[in-house]
Amino acid sequence: MIRILLSIKLGELRWTQADLARATGIRPNTINELYHELVERVNLEHLDLICEALDCKLNELIVRVPDEIPKVLHTKNGSLISSSDR
């Protein structure tokens, strides 16, 4: 699963969602959805603006946490994940 760590980053910097919206020009509602991880799609320009405003790298805002149960049935090398692995 993909995690958006905006709430953590804003907390570390003691910024509010409103501070970030003002600094970036991104709509407050969009910032709120990112903050609460309610988005399914992310605008790359928004991510760039947020990284610039917070002076951080992208990997400080977005991380991948592997799911306990894989959603992909085949691995990169083409082997099938057995049902006992699921």
PDB file of N, CA and C in Angstrom:
ATOM      1  N   MET A   1       0.847  -1.165   0.000  1.00  0.00           N
ATOM      2  CA  MET A   1       0.000   0.000   0.000  1.00  0.00           C
ATOM      3  C   MET A   1       0.899   1.236   0.000  1.00  0.00           C
ATOM      4  N   ILE A   2       0.430   2.285  -0.608  1.00  0.00           N
ATOM      5  CA  ILE A   2       1.152   3.546  -0.645  1.00  0.00           C
ATOM      6  C   ILE A   2       0.663   4.422   0.502  1.00  0.00           C
ATOM      7  N   ARG A   3       1.584   4.957   1.267  1.00  0.00           N
ATOM      8  CA  ARG A   3       1.248   5.847   2.385  1.00  0.00           C
ATOM      9  C   ARG A   3       1.698   7.265   2.063  1.00  0.00           C
ATOM     10  N   ILE A   4       0.869   8.226   2.381  1.00  0.00           N
ATOM     11  CA  ILE A   4       1.213   9.640   2.237  1.00  0.00           C
ATOM     12  C   ILE A   4       1.498  10.170   3.638  1.00  0.00           C
ATOM     13  N   LEU A   5       2.704  10.654   3.835  1.00  0.00           N
ATOM     14  CA  LEU A   5       3.159  11.043   5.168  1.00  0.00           C
ATOM     15  C   LEU A   5       3.083  12.554   5.402  1.00  0.00           C
ATOM     16  N   LEU A   6       2.174  13.219   4.708  1.00  0.00           N
ATOM     17  CA  LEU A   6       2.072  14.670   4.812  1.00  0.00           C
ATOM     18  C   LEU A   6       1.744  15.107   6.234  1.00  0.00           C
ATOM     19  N   SER A   7       0.878  14.399   6.913  1.00  0.00           N
ATOM     20  CA  SER A   7       0.514  14.791   8.282  1.00  0.00           C
ATOM     21  C   SER A   7       1.739  14.752   9.202  1.00  0.00           C
ATOM     22  N   ILE A   8       2.567  13.742   9.023  1.00  0.00           N
ATOM     23  CA  ILE A   8       3.781  13.626   9.845  1.00  0.00           C
ATOM     24  C   ILE A   8       4.743  14.764   9.533  1.00  0.00           C
ATOM     25  N   LYS A   9       4.945  15.039   8.237  1.00  0.00           N
ATOM     26  CA  LYS A   9       5.886  16.079   7.826  1.00  0.00           C
ATOM     27  C   LYS A   9       5.418  17.451   8.314  1.00  0.00           C
ATOM     28  N   LEU A  10       4.141  17.739   8.164  1.00  0.00           N
ATOM     29  CA  LEU A  10       3.624  19.036   8.641  1.00  0.00           C
ATOM     30  C   LEU A  10       3.786  19.147  10.154  1.00  0.00           C
ATOM     31  N   GLY A  11       3.534  18.055  10.871  1.00  0.00           N
ATOM     32  CA  GLY A  11       3.707  18.062  12.322  1.00  0.00           C
ATOM     33  C   GLY A  11       5.143  18.338  12.726  1.00  0.00           C
ATOM     34  N   GLU A  12       6.095  17.712  12.026  1.00  0.00           N
ATOM     35  CA  GLU A  12       7.512  17.933  12.326  1.00  0.00           C
ATOM     36  C   GLU A  12       7.893  19.405  12.155  1.00  0.00           C
ATOM     37  N   LEU A  13       7.329  20.030  11.120  1.00  0.00           N
ATOM     38  CA  LEU A  13       7.661  21.424  10.805  1.00  0.00           C
ATOM     39  C   LEU A  13       6.758  22.431  11.518  1.00  0.00           C
ATOM     40  N   ARG A  14       5.750  21.893  12.220  1.00  0.00           N
ATOM     41  CA  ARG A  14       4.758  22.737  12.898  1.00  0.00           C
ATOM     42  C   ARG A  14       4.045  23.677  11.917  1.00  0.00           C
ATOM     43  N   TRP A  15       3.712  23.112  10.759  1.00  0.00           N
ATOM     44  CA  TRP A  15       2.931  23.823   9.755  1.00  0.00           C
ATOM     45  C   TRP A  15       1.504  23.302   9.822  1.00  0.00           C
ATOM     46  N   THR A  16       0.558  24.158   9.487  1.00  0.00           N
ATOM     47  CA  THR A  16      -0.833  23.728   9.361  1.00  0.00           C
ATOM     48  C   THR A  16      -1.116  23.428   7.898  1.00  0.00           C
ATOM     49  N   GLN A  17      -2.240  22.778   7.670  1.00  0.00           N
ATOM     50  CA  GLN A  17      -2.679  22.555   6.297  1.00  0.00           C
ATOM     51  C   GLN A  17      -2.878  23.895   5.591  1.00  0.00           C
ATOM     52  N   ALA A  18      -3.398  24.869   6.311  1.00  0.00           N
ATOM     53  CA  ALA A  18      -3.622  26.205   5.736  1.00  0.00           C
ATOM     54  C   ALA A  18      -2.296  26.858   5.352  1.00  0.00           C
ATOM     55  N   ASP A  19      -1.259  26.697   6.176  1.00  0.00           N
ATOM     56  CA  ASP A  19       0.066  27.226   5.848  1.00  0.00           C
ATOM     57  C   ASP A  19       0.543  26.650   4.519  1.00  0.00           C
ATOM     58  N   LEU A  20       0.383  25.340   4.357  1.00  0.00           N
ATOM     59  CA  LEU A  20       0.839  24.683   3.139  1.00  0.00           C
ATOM     60  C   LEU A  20       0.019  25.122   1.930  1.00  0.00           C
ATOM     61  N   ALA A  21      -1.271  25.255   2.106  1.00  0.00           N
ATOM     62  CA  ALA A  21      -2.128  25.710   1.006  1.00  0.00           C
ATOM     63  C   ALA A  21      -1.716  27.112   0.548  1.00  0.00           C
ATOM     64  N   ARG A  22      -1.458  28.002   1.510  1.00  0.00           N
ATOM     65  CA  ARG A  22      -1.027  29.367   1.159  1.00  0.00           C
ATOM     66  C   ARG A  22       0.322  29.360   0.455  1.00  0.00           C
ATOM     67  N   ALA A  23       1.254  28.550   0.940  1.00  0.00           N
ATOM     68  CA  ALA A  23       2.605  28.526   0.385  1.00  0.00           C
ATOM     69  C   ALA A  23       2.645  27.945  -1.028  1.00  0.00           C
ATOM     70  N   THR A  24       1.763  26.999  -1.323  1.00  0.00           N
ATOM     71  CA  THR A  24       1.805  26.292  -2.605  1.00  0.00           C
ATOM     72  C   THR A  24       0.752  26.758  -3.609  1.00  0.00           C
ATOM     73  N   GLY A  25      -0.323  27.355  -3.125  1.00  0.00           N
ATOM     74  CA  GLY A  25      -1.424  27.699  -4.017  1.00  0.00           C
ATOM     75  C   GLY A  25      -2.334  26.513  -4.312  1.00  0.00           C
ATOM     76  N   ILE A  26      -2.096  25.399  -3.636  1.00  0.00           N
ATOM     77  CA  ILE A  26      -2.952  24.215  -3.792  1.00  0.00           C
ATOM     78  C   ILE A  26      -4.199  24.416  -2.948  1.00  0.00           C
ATOM     79  N   ARG A  27      -5.355  24.036  -3.493  1.00  0.00           N
ATOM     80  CA  ARG A  27      -6.613  24.209  -2.769  1.00  0.00           C
ATOM     81  C   ARG A  27      -6.564  23.534  -1.398  1.00  0.00           C
ATOM     82  N   PRO A  28      -7.088  24.194  -0.374  1.00  0.00           N
ATOM     83  CA  PRO A  28      -7.101  23.603   0.968  1.00  0.00           C
ATOM     84  C   PRO A  28      -7.758  22.221   1.012  1.00  0.00           C
ATOM     85  N   ASN A  29      -8.816  22.019   0.234  1.00  0.00           N
ATOM     86  CA  ASN A  29      -9.494  20.723   0.219  1.00  0.00           C
ATOM     87  C   ASN A  29      -8.561  19.622  -0.298  1.00  0.00           C
ATOM     88  N   THR A  30      -7.747  19.950  -1.296  1.00  0.00           N
ATOM     89  CA  THR A  30      -6.794  18.989  -1.838  1.00  0.00           C
ATOM     90  C   THR A  30      -5.725  18.656  -0.803  1.00  0.00           C
ATOM     91  N   ILE A  31      -5.227  19.676  -0.113  1.00  0.00           N
ATOM     92  CA  ILE A  31      -4.244  19.452   0.962  1.00  0.00           C
ATOM     93  C   ILE A  31      -4.850  18.552   2.035  1.00  0.00           C
ATOM     94  N   ASN A  32      -6.083  18.803   2.408  1.00  0.00           N
ATOM     95  CA  ASN A  32      -6.764  18.009   3.436  1.00  0.00           C
ATOM     96  C   ASN A  32      -6.889  16.543   3.015  1.00  0.00           C
ATOM     97  N   GLU A  33      -7.238  16.309   1.755  1.00  0.00           N
ATOM     98  CA  GLU A  33      -7.359  14.931   1.267  1.00  0.00           C
ATOM     99  C   GLU A  33      -6.012  14.210   1.289  1.00  0.00           C
ATOM    100  N   LEU A  34      -4.937  14.920   0.936  1.00  0.00           N
ATOM    101  CA  LEU A  34      -3.603  14.325   1.017  1.00  0.00           C
ATOM    102  C   LEU A  34      -3.224  14.061   2.474  1.00  0.00           C
ATOM    103  N   TYR A  35      -3.496  15.035   3.332  1.00  0.00           N
ATOM    104  CA  TYR A  35      -3.173  14.949   4.754  1.00  0.00           C
ATOM    105  C   TYR A  35      -3.814  13.712   5.396  1.00  0.00           C
ATOM    106  N   HIS A  36      -5.061  13.450   5.027  1.00  0.00           N
ATOM    107  CA  HIS A  36      -5.807  12.329   5.607  1.00  0.00           C
ATOM    108  C   HIS A  36      -5.738  11.060   4.758  1.00  0.00           C
ATOM    109  N   GLU A  37      -4.889  11.061   3.731  1.00  0.00           N
ATOM    110  CA  GLU A  37      -4.684   9.915   2.857  1.00  0.00           C
ATOM    111  C   GLU A  37      -5.986   9.418   2.231  1.00  0.00           C
ATOM    112  N   LEU A  38      -6.787  10.349   1.749  1.00  0.00           N
ATOM    113  CA  LEU A  38      -8.071  10.006   1.147  1.00  0.00           C
ATOM    114  C   LEU A  38      -8.017   9.986  -0.376  1.00  0.00           C
ATOM    115  N   VAL A  39      -6.870  10.265  -0.962  1.00  0.00           N
ATOM    116  CA  VAL A  39      -6.758  10.362  -2.419  1.00  0.00           C
ATOM    117  C   VAL A  39      -6.405   9.016  -3.039  1.00  0.00           C
ATOM    118  N   GLU A  40      -6.885   8.798  -4.257  1.00  0.00           N
ATOM    119  CA  GLU A  40      -6.503   7.617  -5.022  1.00  0.00           C
ATOM    120  C   GLU A  40      -5.486   7.984  -6.095  1.00  0.00           C
ATOM    121  N   ARG A  41      -5.491   9.253  -6.500  1.00  0.00           N
ATOM    122  CA  ARG A  41      -4.552   9.748  -7.499  1.00  0.00           C
ATOM    123  C   ARG A  41      -3.896  11.004  -6.957  1.00  0.00           C
ATOM    124  N   VAL A  42      -2.637  11.191  -7.343  1.00  0.00           N
ATOM    125  CA  VAL A  42      -1.892  12.345  -6.863  1.00  0.00           C
ATOM    126  C   VAL A  42      -1.354  13.121  -8.056  1.00  0.00           C
ATOM    127  N   ASN A  43      -1.519  14.429  -8.019  1.00  0.00           N
ATOM    128  CA  ASN A  43      -1.004  15.309  -9.057  1.00  0.00           C
ATOM    129  C   ASN A  43       0.498  15.497  -8.833  1.00  0.00           C
ATOM    130  N   LEU A  44       1.303  15.178  -9.849  1.00  0.00           N
ATOM    131  CA  LEU A  44       2.758  15.260  -9.703  1.00  0.00           C
ATOM    132  C   LEU A  44       3.225  16.685  -9.473  1.00  0.00           C
ATOM    133  N   GLU A  45       2.567  17.647 -10.090  1.00  0.00           N
ATOM    134  CA  GLU A  45       2.951  19.042  -9.858  1.00  0.00           C
ATOM    135  C   GLU A  45       2.680  19.440  -8.415  1.00  0.00           C
ATOM    136  N   HIS A  46       1.586  18.951  -7.850  1.00  0.00           N
ATOM    137  CA  HIS A  46       1.296  19.224  -6.441  1.00  0.00           C
ATOM    138  C   HIS A  46       2.391  18.665  -5.549  1.00  0.00           C
ATOM    139  N   LEU A  47       2.821  17.429  -5.841  1.00  0.00           N
ATOM    140  CA  LEU A  47       3.899  16.836  -5.050  1.00  0.00           C
ATOM    141  C   LEU A  47       5.172  17.671  -5.145  1.00  0.00           C
ATOM    142  N   ASP A  48       5.470  18.143  -6.350  1.00  0.00           N
ATOM    143  CA  ASP A  48       6.657  18.968  -6.540  1.00  0.00           C
ATOM    144  C   ASP A  48       6.548  20.265  -5.744  1.00  0.00           C
ATOM    145  N   LEU A  49       5.384  20.914  -5.783  1.00  0.00           N
ATOM    146  CA  LEU A  49       5.169  22.153  -5.024  1.00  0.00           C
ATOM    147  C   LEU A  49       5.294  21.912  -3.524  1.00  0.00           C
ATOM    148  N   ILE A  50       4.734  20.813  -3.050  1.00  0.00           N
ATOM    149  CA  ILE A  50       4.791  20.499  -1.621  1.00  0.00           C
ATOM    150  C   ILE A  50       6.231  20.234  -1.191  1.00  0.00           C
ATOM    151  N   CYS A  51       6.960  19.464  -1.989  1.00  0.00           N
ATOM    152  CA  CYS A  51       8.373  19.201  -1.664  1.00  0.00           C
ATOM    153  C   CYS A  51       9.176  20.498  -1.624  1.00  0.00           C
ATOM    154  N   GLU A  52       8.900  21.389  -2.571  1.00  0.00           N
ATOM    155  CA  GLU A  52       9.606  22.672  -2.597  1.00  0.00           C
ATOM    156  C   GLU A  52       9.256  23.511  -1.370  1.00  0.00           C
ATOM    157  N   ALA A  53       7.978  23.595  -1.051  1.00  0.00           N
ATOM    158  CA  ALA A  53       7.544  24.414   0.084  1.00  0.00           C
ATOM    159  C   ALA A  53       8.074  23.875   1.412  1.00  0.00           C
ATOM    160  N   LEU A  54       8.107  22.563   1.552  1.00  0.00           N
ATOM    161  CA  LEU A  54       8.540  21.946   2.813  1.00  0.00           C
ATOM    162  C   LEU A  54      10.034  21.635   2.823  1.00  0.00           C
ATOM    163  N   ASP A  55      10.692  21.924   1.701  1.00  0.00           N
ATOM    164  CA  ASP A  55      12.127  21.671   1.567  1.00  0.00           C
ATOM    165  C   ASP A  55      12.450  20.226   1.934  1.00  0.00           C
ATOM    166  N   CYS A  56      11.748  19.304   1.259  1.00  0.00           N
ATOM    167  CA  CYS A  56      11.955  17.886   1.541  1.00  0.00           C
ATOM    168  C   CYS A  56      12.037  17.099   0.244  1.00  0.00           C
ATOM    169  N   LYS A  57      12.398  15.836   0.379  1.00  0.00           N
ATOM    170  CA  LYS A  57      12.459  14.926  -0.762  1.00  0.00           C
ATOM    171  C   LYS A  57      11.150  14.151  -0.837  1.00  0.00           C
ATOM    172  N   LEU A  58      10.853  13.655  -2.032  1.00  0.00           N
ATOM    173  CA  LEU A  58       9.612  12.925  -2.249  1.00  0.00           C
ATOM    174  C   LEU A  58       9.482  11.719  -1.321  1.00  0.00           C
ATOM    175  N   ASN A  59      10.600  11.028  -1.059  1.00  0.00           N
ATOM    176  CA  ASN A  59      10.509   9.845  -0.197  1.00  0.00           C
ATOM    177  C   ASN A  59      10.244  10.189   1.267  1.00  0.00           C
ATOM    178  N   GLU A  60      10.204  11.470   1.595  1.00  0.00           N
ATOM    179  CA  GLU A  60       9.791  11.890   2.934  1.00  0.00           C
ATOM    180  C   GLU A  60       8.276  12.084   2.996  1.00  0.00           C
ATOM    181  N   LEU A  61       7.626  12.103   1.826  1.00  0.00           N
ATOM    182  CA  LEU A  61       6.177  12.307   1.752  1.00  0.00           C
ATOM    183  C   LEU A  61       5.405  11.061   1.362  1.00  0.00           C
ATOM    184  N   ILE A  62       6.039  10.208   0.551  1.00  0.00           N
ATOM    185  CA  ILE A  62       5.339   9.028   0.038  1.00  0.00           C
ATOM    186  C   ILE A  62       6.225   7.807   0.218  1.00  0.00           C
ATOM    187  N   VAL A  63       5.660   6.744   0.788  1.00  0.00           N
ATOM    188  CA  VAL A  63       6.382   5.481   0.949  1.00  0.00           C
ATOM    189  C   VAL A  63       5.464   4.322   0.579  1.00  0.00           C
ATOM    190  N   ARG A  64       6.081   3.208   0.230  1.00  0.00           N
ATOM    191  CA  ARG A  64       5.319   1.993  -0.045  1.00  0.00           C
ATOM    192  C   ARG A  64       5.516   1.025   1.110  1.00  0.00           C
ATOM    193  N   VAL A  65       4.413   0.586   1.685  1.00  0.00           N
ATOM    194  CA  VAL A  65       4.418  -0.408   2.749  1.00  0.00           C
ATOM    195  C   VAL A  65       3.820  -1.675   2.141  1.00  0.00           C
ATOM    196  N   PRO A  66       4.596  -2.759   2.029  1.00  0.00           N
ATOM    197  CA  PRO A  66       4.068  -3.979   1.412  1.00  0.00           C
ATOM    198  C   PRO A  66       2.824  -4.498   2.134  1.00  0.00           C
ATOM    199  N   ASP A  67       1.854  -4.962   1.360  1.00  0.00           N
ATOM    200  CA  ASP A  67       0.643  -5.559   1.921  1.00  0.00           C
ATOM    201  C   ASP A  67       0.956  -6.928   2.498  1.00  0.00           C
ATOM    202  N   GLU A  68       0.249  -7.317   3.531  1.00  0.00           N
ATOM    203  CA  GLU A  68       0.447  -8.643   4.116  1.00  0.00           C
ATOM    204  C   GLU A  68       0.047  -9.731   3.132  1.00  0.00           C
ATOM    205  N   ILE A  69      -1.014  -9.490   2.387  1.00  0.00           N
ATOM    206  CA  ILE A  69      -1.465 -10.447   1.367  1.00  0.00           C
ATOM    207  C   ILE A  69      -1.213  -9.817   0.005  1.00  0.00           C
ATOM    208  N   PRO A  70      -0.332 -10.420  -0.807  1.00  0.00           N
ATOM    209  CA  PRO A  70      -0.019  -9.838  -2.116  1.00  0.00           C
ATOM    210  C   PRO A  70      -1.242  -9.768  -3.020  1.00  0.00           C
ATOM    211  N   LYS A  71      -1.295  -8.728  -3.831  1.00  0.00           N
ATOM    212  CA  LYS A  71      -2.386  -8.564  -4.793  1.00  0.00           C
ATOM    213  C   LYS A  71      -1.986  -9.058  -6.170  1.00  0.00           C
ATOM    214  N   VAL A  72      -0.675  -9.210  -6.405  1.00  0.00           N
ATOM    215  CA  VAL A  72      -0.153  -9.637  -7.695  1.00  0.00           C
ATOM    216  C   VAL A  72       0.115 -11.140  -7.635  1.00  0.00           C
ATOM    217  N   LEU A  73      -0.388 -11.871  -8.629  1.00  0.00           N
ATOM    218  CA  LEU A  73      -0.247 -13.315  -8.620  1.00  0.00           C
ATOM    219  C   LEU A  73       1.063 -13.801  -9.225  1.00  0.00           C
ATOM    220  N   HIS A  74       1.697 -12.981 -10.063  1.00  0.00           N
ATOM    221  CA  HIS A  74       2.947 -13.372 -10.700  1.00  0.00           C
ATOM    222  C   HIS A  74       4.062 -12.441 -10.259  1.00  0.00           C
ATOM    223  N   THR A  75       5.244 -12.994 -10.096  1.00  0.00           N
ATOM    224  CA  THR A  75       6.396 -12.184  -9.728  1.00  0.00           C
ATOM    225  C   THR A  75       7.052 -11.632 -10.989  1.00  0.00           C
ATOM    226  N   LYS A  76       8.021 -10.776 -10.798  1.00  0.00           N
ATOM    227  CA  LYS A  76       8.733 -10.153 -11.920  1.00  0.00           C
ATOM    228  C   LYS A  76       9.357 -11.201 -12.835  1.00  0.00           C
ATOM    229  N   ASN A  77       9.855 -12.293 -12.277  1.00  0.00           N
ATOM    230  CA  ASN A  77      10.497 -13.322 -13.096  1.00  0.00           C
ATOM    231  C   ASN A  77       9.491 -14.280 -13.731  1.00  0.00           C
ATOM    232  N   GLY A  78       8.205 -14.045 -13.521  1.00  0.00           N
ATOM    233  CA  GLY A  78       7.171 -14.835 -14.181  1.00  0.00           C
ATOM    234  C   GLY A  78       6.650 -16.015 -13.397  1.00  0.00           C
ATOM    235  N   SER A  79       7.229 -16.299 -12.236  1.00  0.00           N
ATOM    236  CA  SER A  79       6.744 -17.445 -11.473  1.00  0.00           C
ATOM    237  C   SER A  79       5.422 -17.107 -10.796  1.00  0.00           C
ATOM    238  N   LEU A  80       4.613 -18.106 -10.633  1.00  0.00           N
ATOM    239  CA  LEU A  80       3.298 -17.958 -10.013  1.00  0.00           C
ATOM    240  C   LEU A  80       3.435 -18.077  -8.509  1.00  0.00           C
ATOM    241  N   ILE A  81       2.795 -17.174  -7.788  1.00  0.00           N
ATOM    242  CA  ILE A  81       2.774 -17.276  -6.326  1.00  0.00           C
ATOM    243  C   ILE A  81       1.762 -18.357  -5.976  1.00  0.00           C
ATOM    244  N   SER A  82       2.168 -19.352  -5.221  1.00  0.00           N
ATOM    245  CA  SER A  82       1.274 -20.455  -4.909  1.00  0.00           C
ATOM    246  C   SER A  82       0.174 -20.008  -3.962  1.00  0.00           C
ATOM    247  N   SER A  83      -0.917 -20.731  -3.973  1.00  0.00           N
ATOM    248  CA  SER A  83      -2.043 -20.391  -3.111  1.00  0.00           C
ATOM    249  C   SER A  83      -1.679 -20.531  -1.648  1.00  0.00           C
ATOM    250  N   SER A  84      -0.694 -21.382  -1.334  1.00  0.00           N
ATOM    251  CA  SER A  84      -0.279 -21.524   0.071  1.00  0.00           C
ATOM    252  C   SER A  84       0.480 -20.291   0.553  1.00  0.00           C
ATOM    253  N   ASP A  85       1.044 -19.508  -0.405  1.00  0.00           N
ATOM    254  CA  ASP A  85       1.722 -18.267  -0.046  1.00  0.00           C
ATOM    255  C   ASP A  85       0.725 -17.149   0.204  1.00  0.00           C
ATOM    256  N   ARG A  86      -0.522 -17.341  -0.173  1.00  0.00           N
ATOM    257  CA  ARG A  86      -1.518 -16.273  -0.083  1.00  0.00           C
ATOM    258  C   ARG A  86      -2.317 -16.384   1.166  1.00  0.00           C
TER     259      ARG A  86
END
